[in-house]
Amino acid sequence: MSAFTLRVASLGSGRSLGRRLARAALTGLGWAFIIVGVVGTLIPGHLGLPLLVVGLIVILRSSFQARRRFVDLQRRHPRLLFPVRRLLRREPEVIPVAWQQLLRVERLLLPPRYRVARRLRRGLRRQFG
């Protein structure tokens, strides 16, 4: 092997090492966003969910394994992950996703006579629609 071949080989492995380090750094940053987002959802304020979504976006764009696992989870539990998929799009539908989640939580926690959101929407639709 000549010195030129060794030099080219070392440059090639250096680039892939740099890419691996950048990918690992982005994955770490994504996990940091997710951890801060989980803590943010537990304390009062509204920063938890956006940070969780940003962390998930960063991880899914930088980690092939995470992307594979997300696709597997998406196939197993499509109803659970559909709102997350809608928030991960380029132009996310934040208001419709928030409304859908409000209706789901209301249906899960409250008996029918105490549910307010659906009646509010019907009343607004009659008034403005």
N, C-alpha and C. Protein backbone atom coordinates (compact mmCIF):
# COMPACT_ATOMS: atom_id res chain seq x y z
N MET A 1 0.84 -1.18 0.00
CA MET A 1 0.00 0.00 0.00
C MET A 1 0.88 1.24 0.00
N SER A 2 0.48 2.19 -0.77
CA SER A 2 1.25 3.43 -0.82
C SER A 2 0.75 4.39 0.27
N ALA A 3 1.50 5.46 0.46
CA ALA A 3 1.12 6.46 1.46
C ALA A 3 -0.18 7.15 1.04
N PHE A 4 -0.37 7.33 -0.29
CA PHE A 4 -1.60 7.97 -0.77
C PHE A 4 -2.82 7.12 -0.43
N THR A 5 -2.73 5.82 -0.60
CA THR A 5 -3.84 4.92 -0.29
C THR A 5 -4.17 4.97 1.20
N LEU A 6 -3.16 4.98 2.04
CA LEU A 6 -3.40 5.05 3.48
C LEU A 6 -4.06 6.37 3.86
N ARG A 7 -3.62 7.44 3.21
CA ARG A 7 -4.18 8.75 3.53
C ARG A 7 -5.64 8.83 3.10
N VAL A 8 -5.97 8.34 1.92
CA VAL A 8 -7.35 8.35 1.44
C VAL A 8 -8.22 7.48 2.33
N ALA A 9 -7.71 6.32 2.74
CA ALA A 9 -8.48 5.43 3.61
C ALA A 9 -8.75 6.08 4.96
N SER A 10 -7.76 6.80 5.49
CA SER A 10 -7.97 7.44 6.78
C SER A 10 -8.95 8.60 6.67
N LEU A 11 -8.94 9.31 5.54
CA LEU A 11 -9.91 10.39 5.35
C LEU A 11 -11.32 9.84 5.25
N GLY A 12 -11.48 8.74 4.55
CA GLY A 12 -12.81 8.15 4.41
C GLY A 12 -13.38 7.71 5.75
N SER A 13 -12.54 7.07 6.58
CA SER A 13 -13.04 6.62 7.88
C SER A 13 -13.28 7.82 8.80
N GLY A 14 -12.50 8.89 8.62
CA GLY A 14 -12.71 10.09 9.43
C GLY A 14 -14.04 10.74 9.14
N ARG A 15 -14.45 10.74 7.89
CA ARG A 15 -15.73 11.32 7.54
C ARG A 15 -16.88 10.53 8.14
N SER A 16 -16.77 9.21 8.05
CA SER A 16 -17.85 8.41 8.62
C SER A 16 -17.85 8.52 10.15
N LEU A 17 -16.67 8.67 10.74
CA LEU A 17 -16.60 8.87 12.18
C LEU A 17 -17.24 10.21 12.54
N GLY A 18 -16.97 11.23 11.75
CA GLY A 18 -17.58 12.53 11.99
C GLY A 18 -19.09 12.48 11.86
N ARG A 19 -19.56 11.76 10.85
CA ARG A 19 -21.01 11.61 10.69
C ARG A 19 -21.63 10.86 11.86
N ARG A 20 -20.92 9.81 12.30
CA ARG A 20 -21.43 9.06 13.45
C ARG A 20 -21.49 9.92 14.70
N LEU A 21 -20.45 10.73 14.90
CA LEU A 21 -20.44 11.62 16.06
C LEU A 21 -21.54 12.67 15.96
N ALA A 22 -21.75 13.21 14.76
CA ALA A 22 -22.82 14.19 14.58
C ALA A 22 -24.18 13.55 14.83
N ARG A 23 -24.37 12.34 14.33
CA ARG A 23 -25.62 11.63 14.55
C ARG A 23 -25.85 11.35 16.03
N ALA A 24 -24.78 10.93 16.71
CA ALA A 24 -24.89 10.66 18.15
C ALA A 24 -25.19 11.95 18.92
N ALA A 25 -24.58 13.05 18.51
CA ALA A 25 -24.84 14.33 19.18
C ALA A 25 -26.29 14.76 18.96
N LEU A 26 -26.79 14.60 17.73
CA LEU A 26 -28.19 14.96 17.47
C LEU A 26 -29.15 14.06 18.23
N THR A 27 -28.84 12.79 18.31
CA THR A 27 -29.68 11.88 19.08
C THR A 27 -29.67 12.26 20.55
N GLY A 28 -28.51 12.60 21.08
CA GLY A 28 -28.43 13.06 22.47
C GLY A 28 -29.21 14.34 22.70
N LEU A 29 -29.13 15.26 21.74
CA LEU A 29 -29.89 16.50 21.84
C LEU A 29 -31.40 16.22 21.81
N GLY A 30 -31.80 15.29 20.96
CA GLY A 30 -33.22 14.91 20.90
C GLY A 30 -33.70 14.32 22.21
N TRP A 31 -32.88 13.43 22.81
CA TRP A 31 -33.25 12.86 24.11
C TRP A 31 -33.30 13.94 25.18
N ALA A 32 -32.39 14.90 25.12
CA ALA A 32 -32.43 16.00 26.09
C ALA A 32 -33.72 16.79 25.95
N PHE A 33 -34.14 17.07 24.71
CA PHE A 33 -35.42 17.76 24.49
C PHE A 33 -36.58 16.95 25.05
N ILE A 34 -36.54 15.65 24.84
CA ILE A 34 -37.63 14.80 25.33
C ILE A 34 -37.67 14.81 26.86
N ILE A 35 -36.52 14.72 27.50
CA ILE A 35 -36.48 14.72 28.97
C ILE A 35 -36.99 16.05 29.51
N VAL A 36 -36.52 17.16 28.92
CA VAL A 36 -36.99 18.48 29.35
C VAL A 36 -38.49 18.61 29.07
N GLY A 37 -38.96 18.04 27.96
CA GLY A 37 -40.38 18.09 27.65
C GLY A 37 -41.23 17.31 28.64
N VAL A 38 -40.73 16.15 29.08
CA VAL A 38 -41.47 15.37 30.09
C VAL A 38 -41.54 16.15 31.40
N VAL A 39 -40.42 16.74 31.80
CA VAL A 39 -40.42 17.56 33.02
C VAL A 39 -41.34 18.76 32.83
N GLY A 40 -41.32 19.35 31.62
CA GLY A 40 -42.18 20.50 31.35
C GLY A 40 -43.66 20.19 31.37
N THR A 41 -44.03 18.95 31.06
CA THR A 41 -45.44 18.60 31.13
C THR A 41 -45.89 18.38 32.56
N LEU A 42 -44.96 18.05 33.46
CA LEU A 42 -45.32 17.81 34.84
C LEU A 42 -45.47 19.10 35.64
N ILE A 43 -44.74 20.14 35.25
CA ILE A 43 -44.88 21.42 35.96
C ILE A 43 -45.82 22.31 35.17
N PRO A 44 -46.45 23.29 35.82
CA PRO A 44 -47.39 24.16 35.09
C PRO A 44 -46.70 24.93 33.97
N GLY A 45 -47.39 25.05 32.89
CA GLY A 45 -46.85 25.71 31.71
C GLY A 45 -47.18 24.91 30.48
N HIS A 46 -46.89 25.45 29.34
CA HIS A 46 -47.27 24.80 28.09
C HIS A 46 -46.08 24.45 27.22
N LEU A 47 -44.90 24.31 27.79
CA LEU A 47 -43.72 24.02 26.98
C LEU A 47 -43.42 22.54 26.83
N GLY A 48 -44.11 21.69 27.55
CA GLY A 48 -43.79 20.28 27.53
C GLY A 48 -44.04 19.61 26.20
N LEU A 49 -45.24 19.73 25.66
CA LEU A 49 -45.59 19.05 24.43
C LEU A 49 -44.76 19.52 23.23
N PRO A 50 -44.56 20.82 23.02
CA PRO A 50 -43.72 21.22 21.89
C PRO A 50 -42.28 20.69 21.99
N LEU A 51 -41.73 20.67 23.19
CA LEU A 51 -40.37 20.14 23.34
C LEU A 51 -40.33 18.64 23.09
N LEU A 52 -41.37 17.93 23.51
CA LEU A 52 -41.44 16.49 23.22
C LEU A 52 -41.47 16.25 21.71
N VAL A 53 -42.27 17.03 21.00
CA VAL A 53 -42.38 16.86 19.55
C VAL A 53 -41.06 17.20 18.86
N VAL A 54 -40.42 18.29 19.28
CA VAL A 54 -39.13 18.67 18.68
C VAL A 54 -38.09 17.58 18.95
N GLY A 55 -38.06 17.06 20.17
CA GLY A 55 -37.12 15.98 20.49
C GLY A 55 -37.37 14.75 19.65
N LEU A 56 -38.65 14.40 19.46
CA LEU A 56 -38.98 13.24 18.64
C LEU A 56 -38.58 13.48 17.19
N ILE A 57 -38.79 14.67 16.69
CA ILE A 57 -38.39 14.99 15.31
C ILE A 57 -36.88 14.84 15.15
N VAL A 58 -36.12 15.39 16.09
CA VAL A 58 -34.66 15.32 15.99
C VAL A 58 -34.19 13.87 16.04
N ILE A 59 -34.75 13.09 16.95
CA ILE A 59 -34.34 11.69 17.05
C ILE A 59 -34.72 10.92 15.81
N LEU A 60 -35.93 11.11 15.31
CA LEU A 60 -36.38 10.35 14.14
C LEU A 60 -35.59 10.72 12.88
N ARG A 61 -35.10 11.93 12.82
CA ARG A 61 -34.31 12.33 11.65
C ARG A 61 -32.86 11.89 11.75
N SER A 62 -32.38 11.62 12.95
CA SER A 62 -30.96 11.30 13.09
C SER A 62 -30.68 9.85 13.43
N SER A 63 -31.68 9.07 13.79
CA SER A 63 -31.43 7.70 14.21
C SER A 63 -32.27 6.72 13.39
N PHE A 64 -31.59 5.81 12.70
CA PHE A 64 -32.30 4.82 11.90
C PHE A 64 -33.04 3.83 12.79
N GLN A 65 -32.43 3.43 13.90
CA GLN A 65 -33.09 2.49 14.81
C GLN A 65 -34.36 3.08 15.40
N ALA A 66 -34.30 4.35 15.80
CA ALA A 66 -35.49 4.99 16.36
C ALA A 66 -36.59 5.08 15.31
N ARG A 67 -36.20 5.36 14.07
CA ARG A 67 -37.20 5.44 13.00
C ARG A 67 -37.86 4.08 12.78
N ARG A 68 -37.07 3.01 12.79
CA ARG A 68 -37.62 1.66 12.63
C ARG A 68 -38.57 1.31 13.77
N ARG A 69 -38.17 1.63 14.99
CA ARG A 69 -39.04 1.35 16.14
C ARG A 69 -40.31 2.17 16.08
N PHE A 70 -40.22 3.43 15.65
CA PHE A 70 -41.41 4.26 15.53
C PHE A 70 -42.36 3.69 14.49
N VAL A 71 -41.84 3.22 13.37
CA VAL A 71 -42.69 2.62 12.34
C VAL A 71 -43.34 1.35 12.85
N ASP A 72 -42.59 0.53 13.60
CA ASP A 72 -43.17 -0.67 14.19
C ASP A 72 -44.29 -0.32 15.17
N LEU A 73 -44.04 0.64 16.03
CA LEU A 73 -45.08 1.07 16.97
C LEU A 73 -46.29 1.63 16.24
N GLN A 74 -46.02 2.34 15.17
CA GLN A 74 -47.10 2.95 14.38
C GLN A 74 -47.97 1.86 13.76
N ARG A 75 -47.37 0.76 13.34
CA ARG A 75 -48.15 -0.34 12.77
C ARG A 75 -48.94 -1.08 13.84
N ARG A 76 -48.35 -1.21 15.03
CA ARG A 76 -49.04 -1.91 16.11
C ARG A 76 -50.16 -1.09 16.74
N HIS A 77 -49.93 0.22 16.90
CA HIS A 77 -50.89 1.09 17.59
C HIS A 77 -51.18 2.34 16.74
N PRO A 78 -51.89 2.17 15.63
CA PRO A 78 -52.10 3.32 14.74
C PRO A 78 -52.95 4.42 15.36
N ARG A 79 -53.95 4.06 16.15
CA ARG A 79 -54.81 5.09 16.74
C ARG A 79 -54.07 5.91 17.78
N LEU A 80 -53.16 5.28 18.49
CA LEU A 80 -52.41 5.98 19.53
C LEU A 80 -51.39 6.96 18.94
N LEU A 81 -50.74 6.57 17.84
CA LEU A 81 -49.68 7.40 17.27
C LEU A 81 -50.12 8.30 16.13
N PHE A 82 -51.39 8.22 15.73
CA PHE A 82 -51.85 9.09 14.64
C PHE A 82 -51.70 10.57 14.98
N PRO A 83 -52.05 11.03 16.19
CA PRO A 83 -51.83 12.46 16.48
C PRO A 83 -50.36 12.85 16.43
N VAL A 84 -49.48 11.96 16.86
CA VAL A 84 -48.04 12.26 16.81
C VAL A 84 -47.59 12.40 15.37
N ARG A 85 -48.08 11.50 14.50
CA ARG A 85 -47.73 11.59 13.08
C ARG A 85 -48.22 12.90 12.49
N ARG A 86 -49.42 13.34 12.87
CA ARG A 86 -49.94 14.61 12.35
C ARG A 86 -49.10 15.79 12.83
N LEU A 87 -48.54 15.70 14.03
CA LEU A 87 -47.70 16.79 14.54
C LEU A 87 -46.29 16.75 13.94
N LEU A 88 -45.87 15.62 13.40
CA LEU A 88 -44.53 15.51 12.82
C LEU A 88 -44.48 15.94 11.36
N ARG A 89 -45.60 16.26 10.77
CA ARG A 89 -45.60 16.68 9.36
C ARG A 89 -44.91 18.03 9.21
N ARG A 90 -44.63 18.40 7.96
CA ARG A 90 -43.95 19.67 7.71
C ARG A 90 -44.80 20.86 8.16
N GLU A 91 -46.08 20.81 7.87
CA GLU A 91 -47.00 21.85 8.34
C GLU A 91 -48.00 21.18 9.28
N PRO A 92 -47.65 21.10 10.57
CA PRO A 92 -48.49 20.33 11.49
C PRO A 92 -49.85 20.98 11.73
N GLU A 93 -50.83 20.15 11.95
CA GLU A 93 -52.19 20.59 12.24
C GLU A 93 -52.36 20.60 13.75
N VAL A 94 -51.90 21.65 14.39
CA VAL A 94 -51.84 21.68 15.84
C VAL A 94 -53.23 21.81 16.45
N ILE A 95 -54.03 22.75 15.96
CA ILE A 95 -55.36 22.99 16.54
C ILE A 95 -56.27 21.77 16.39
N PRO A 96 -56.39 21.17 15.20
CA PRO A 96 -57.23 19.96 15.11
C PRO A 96 -56.75 18.80 15.97
N VAL A 97 -55.44 18.64 16.10
CA VAL A 97 -54.91 17.57 16.95
C VAL A 97 -55.24 17.85 18.41
N ALA A 98 -55.08 19.10 18.84
CA ALA A 98 -55.40 19.45 20.23
C ALA A 98 -56.89 19.24 20.50
N TRP A 99 -57.75 19.61 19.55
CA TRP A 99 -59.20 19.43 19.72
C TRP A 99 -59.54 17.94 19.80
N GLN A 100 -58.97 17.14 18.95
CA GLN A 100 -59.23 15.71 18.96
C GLN A 100 -58.78 15.09 20.29
N GLN A 101 -57.64 15.49 20.79
CA GLN A 101 -57.16 14.96 22.06
C GLN A 101 -58.04 15.41 23.23
N LEU A 102 -58.53 16.65 23.16
CA LEU A 102 -59.46 17.13 24.19
C LEU A 102 -60.73 16.29 24.22
N LEU A 103 -61.26 15.99 23.03
CA LEU A 103 -62.46 15.16 22.97
C LEU A 103 -62.19 13.74 23.48
N ARG A 104 -61.04 13.18 23.16
CA ARG A 104 -60.70 11.84 23.64
C ARG A 104 -60.56 11.78 25.15
N VAL A 105 -59.87 12.77 25.72
CA VAL A 105 -59.68 12.80 27.16
C VAL A 105 -61.02 13.02 27.85
N GLU A 106 -61.84 13.89 27.30
CA GLU A 106 -63.16 14.15 27.88
C GLU A 106 -64.02 12.89 27.86
N ARG A 107 -63.98 12.16 26.75
CA ARG A 107 -64.76 10.92 26.65
C ARG A 107 -64.22 9.86 27.61
N LEU A 108 -62.91 9.85 27.82
CA LEU A 108 -62.30 8.87 28.71
C LEU A 108 -62.61 9.15 30.18
N LEU A 109 -62.62 10.42 30.58
CA LEU A 109 -62.71 10.77 31.99
C LEU A 109 -64.10 11.13 32.48
N LEU A 110 -64.93 11.70 31.62
CA LEU A 110 -66.21 12.25 32.08
C LEU A 110 -67.40 11.44 31.59
N PRO A 111 -68.44 11.34 32.41
CA PRO A 111 -69.67 10.73 31.91
C PRO A 111 -70.32 11.66 30.88
N PRO A 112 -71.21 11.12 30.04
CA PRO A 112 -71.76 11.91 28.93
C PRO A 112 -72.43 13.23 29.35
N ARG A 113 -73.09 13.27 30.47
CA ARG A 113 -73.81 14.50 30.82
C ARG A 113 -72.88 15.64 31.22
N TYR A 114 -71.62 15.36 31.55
CA TYR A 114 -70.67 16.40 31.94
C TYR A 114 -69.72 16.80 30.82
N ARG A 115 -69.86 16.23 29.67
CA ARG A 115 -68.97 16.57 28.55
C ARG A 115 -69.41 17.89 27.93
N VAL A 116 -68.47 18.82 27.88
CA VAL A 116 -68.79 20.17 27.46
C VAL A 116 -68.30 20.47 26.05
N ALA A 117 -67.20 19.90 25.64
CA ALA A 117 -66.54 20.30 24.40
C ALA A 117 -67.41 20.05 23.18
N ARG A 118 -68.05 18.91 23.09
CA ARG A 118 -68.87 18.60 21.93
C ARG A 118 -70.07 19.54 21.85
N ARG A 119 -70.71 19.77 23.00
CA ARG A 119 -71.85 20.69 23.01
C ARG A 119 -71.41 22.10 22.65
N LEU A 120 -70.26 22.53 23.13
CA LEU A 120 -69.73 23.86 22.81
C LEU A 120 -69.50 23.99 21.32
N ARG A 121 -68.93 22.96 20.71
CA ARG A 121 -68.68 23.00 19.27
C ARG A 121 -69.97 23.07 18.48
N ARG A 122 -70.96 22.28 18.88
CA ARG A 122 -72.26 22.31 18.19
C ARG A 122 -72.92 23.67 18.33
N GLY A 123 -72.84 24.27 19.51
CA GLY A 123 -73.40 25.60 19.71
C GLY A 123 -72.71 26.65 18.87
N LEU A 124 -71.39 26.59 18.79
CA LEU A 124 -70.64 27.54 17.97
C LEU A 124 -70.94 27.34 16.49
N ARG A 125 -71.10 26.10 16.09
CA ARG A 125 -71.42 25.81 14.69
C ARG A 125 -72.79 26.38 14.32
N ARG A 126 -73.77 26.24 15.19
CA ARG A 126 -75.10 26.81 14.93
C ARG A 126 -75.04 28.34 14.88
N GLN A 127 -74.26 28.92 15.76
CA GLN A 127 -74.20 30.37 15.85
C GLN A 127 -73.47 30.98 14.66
N PHE A 128 -72.33 30.39 14.25
CA PHE A 128 -71.51 30.98 13.20
C PHE A 128 -71.58 30.25 11.87
N GLY A 129 -72.15 29.08 11.87
CA GLY A 129 -72.03 28.25 10.68
C GLY A 129 -73.19 28.19 9.82
